[in-house]
C-alpha atoms as a PDB file:
ATOM      1  CA  MET A   1      50.081   5.251  31.119  1.00  0.00           C
ATOM      2  CA  LEU A   2      50.088   3.536  34.558  1.00  0.00           C
ATOM      3  CA  ALA A   3      51.436   6.447  36.472  1.00  0.00           C
ATOM      4  CA  TYR A   4      48.477   8.651  34.939  1.00  0.00           C
ATOM      5  CA  GLN A   5      45.810   6.192  35.908  1.00  0.00           C
ATOM      6  CA  LEU A   6      47.217   6.097  39.654  1.00  0.00           C
ATOM      7  CA  THR A   7      47.429   9.713  39.851  1.00  0.00           C
ATOM      8  CA  TYR A   8      43.805   9.894  38.364  1.00  0.00           C
ATOM      9  CA  ALA A   9      42.620   7.444  40.688  1.00  0.00           C
ATOM     10  CA  LYS A  10      44.014   9.374  43.712  1.00  0.00           C
ATOM     11  CA  ASN A  11      41.942  12.494  42.557  1.00  0.00           C
ATOM     12  CA  MET A  12      38.730  10.593  42.308  1.00  0.00           C
ATOM     13  CA  TRP A  13      36.135  11.421  44.886  1.00  0.00           C
ATOM     14  CA  ASN A  14      33.909   8.803  46.404  1.00  0.00           C
ATOM     15  CA  ARG A  15      30.516   9.650  47.747  1.00  0.00           C
ATOM     16  CA  LYS A  16      31.435   9.435  51.392  1.00  0.00           C
ATOM     17  CA  GLU A  17      34.301  11.625  51.118  1.00  0.00           C
ATOM     18  CA  LEU A  18      32.403  14.288  49.065  1.00  0.00           C
ATOM     19  CA  LYS A  19      29.575  14.282  51.526  1.00  0.00           C
ATOM     20  CA  THR A  20      31.813  14.637  54.556  1.00  0.00           C
ATOM     21  CA  LYS A  21      33.666  17.549  52.998  1.00  0.00           C
ATOM     22  CA  ALA A  22      30.495  19.165  51.983  1.00  0.00           C
ATOM     23  CA  LYS A  23      29.076  18.919  55.549  1.00  0.00           C
ATOM     24  CA  GLN A  24      32.420  20.395  56.982  1.00  0.00           C
ATOM     25  CA  MET A  25      32.094  23.486  54.665  1.00  0.00           C
ATOM     26  CA  VAL A  26      28.424  24.123  55.543  1.00  0.00           C
ATOM     27  CA  LYS A  27      29.308  24.019  59.131  1.00  0.00           C
ATOM     28  CA  LYS A  28      32.285  26.271  58.678  1.00  0.00           C
ATOM     29  CA  ASN A  29      30.476  28.906  56.594  1.00  0.00           C
ATOM     30  CA  TYR A  30      26.847  28.565  57.644  1.00  0.00           C
ATOM     31  CA  TRP A  31      26.702  31.816  59.717  1.00  0.00           C
ATOM     32  CA  ASN A  32      28.543  33.937  57.132  1.00  0.00           C
ATOM     33  CA  LEU A  33      26.368  32.699  54.412  1.00  0.00           C
ATOM     34  CA  LEU A  34      23.192  33.437  56.437  1.00  0.00           C
ATOM     35  CA  VAL A  35      24.411  36.777  57.211  1.00  0.00           C
ATOM     36  CA  LEU A  36      25.195  37.502  53.480  1.00  0.00           C
ATOM     37  CA  CYS A  37      21.596  36.250  52.379  1.00  0.00           C
ATOM     38  CA  PHE A  38      20.048  38.522  55.019  1.00  0.00           C
ATOM     39  CA  LEU A  39      22.055  41.622  53.790  1.00  0.00           C
ATOM     40  CA  VAL A  40      21.196  40.913  50.323  1.00  0.00           C
ATOM     41  CA  ALA A  41      17.489  40.620  51.020  1.00  0.00           C
ATOM     42  CA  LEU A  42      17.520  43.718  53.207  1.00  0.00           C
ATOM     43  CA  LEU A  43      19.468  45.722  50.520  1.00  0.00           C
ATOM     44  CA  THR A  44      17.316  44.630  47.446  1.00  0.00           C
ATOM     45  CA  GLY A  45      14.121  45.197  49.505  1.00  0.00           C
ATOM     46  CA  GLU A  46      15.212  48.695  50.507  1.00  0.00           C
ATOM     47  CA  PHE A  47      16.324  49.697  47.028  1.00  0.00           C
ATOM     48  CA  ARG A  48      12.953  48.580  45.563  1.00  0.00           C
ATOM     49  CA  ASN A  49      10.984  50.408  48.197  1.00  0.00           C
ATOM     50  CA  PHE A  50      13.028  53.409  47.538  1.00  0.00           C
ATOM     51  CA  TYR A  51      12.733  53.210  43.875  1.00  0.00           C
ATOM     52  CA  CYS A  52       8.822  52.654  43.941  1.00  0.00           C
ATOM     53  CA  ARG A  53       8.345  55.563  46.366  1.00  0.00           C
ATOM     54  CA  ASN A  54      10.232  57.968  43.879  1.00  0.00           C
ATOM     55  CA  LEU A  55       8.282  56.755  41.054  1.00  0.00           C
ATOM     56  CA  ALA A  56       5.058  57.214  42.992  1.00  0.00           C
ATOM     57  CA  SER A  57       5.934  60.639  43.826  1.00  0.00           C
ATOM     58  CA  ARG A  58       6.543  61.980  40.259  1.00  0.00           C
END
């Protein structure tokens, strides 16, 4: 039982650690996420325009 509690205590996060790791991940992946969001917005916007033009021409 004591070994389980020690193992569980090692895996617990504190607020400071969690915040630090989150900042590191955002800094590491910021540009990739920004490009991905831009591409999704571009593709969904283009698809919508294409679809609406095809409906209007019928």
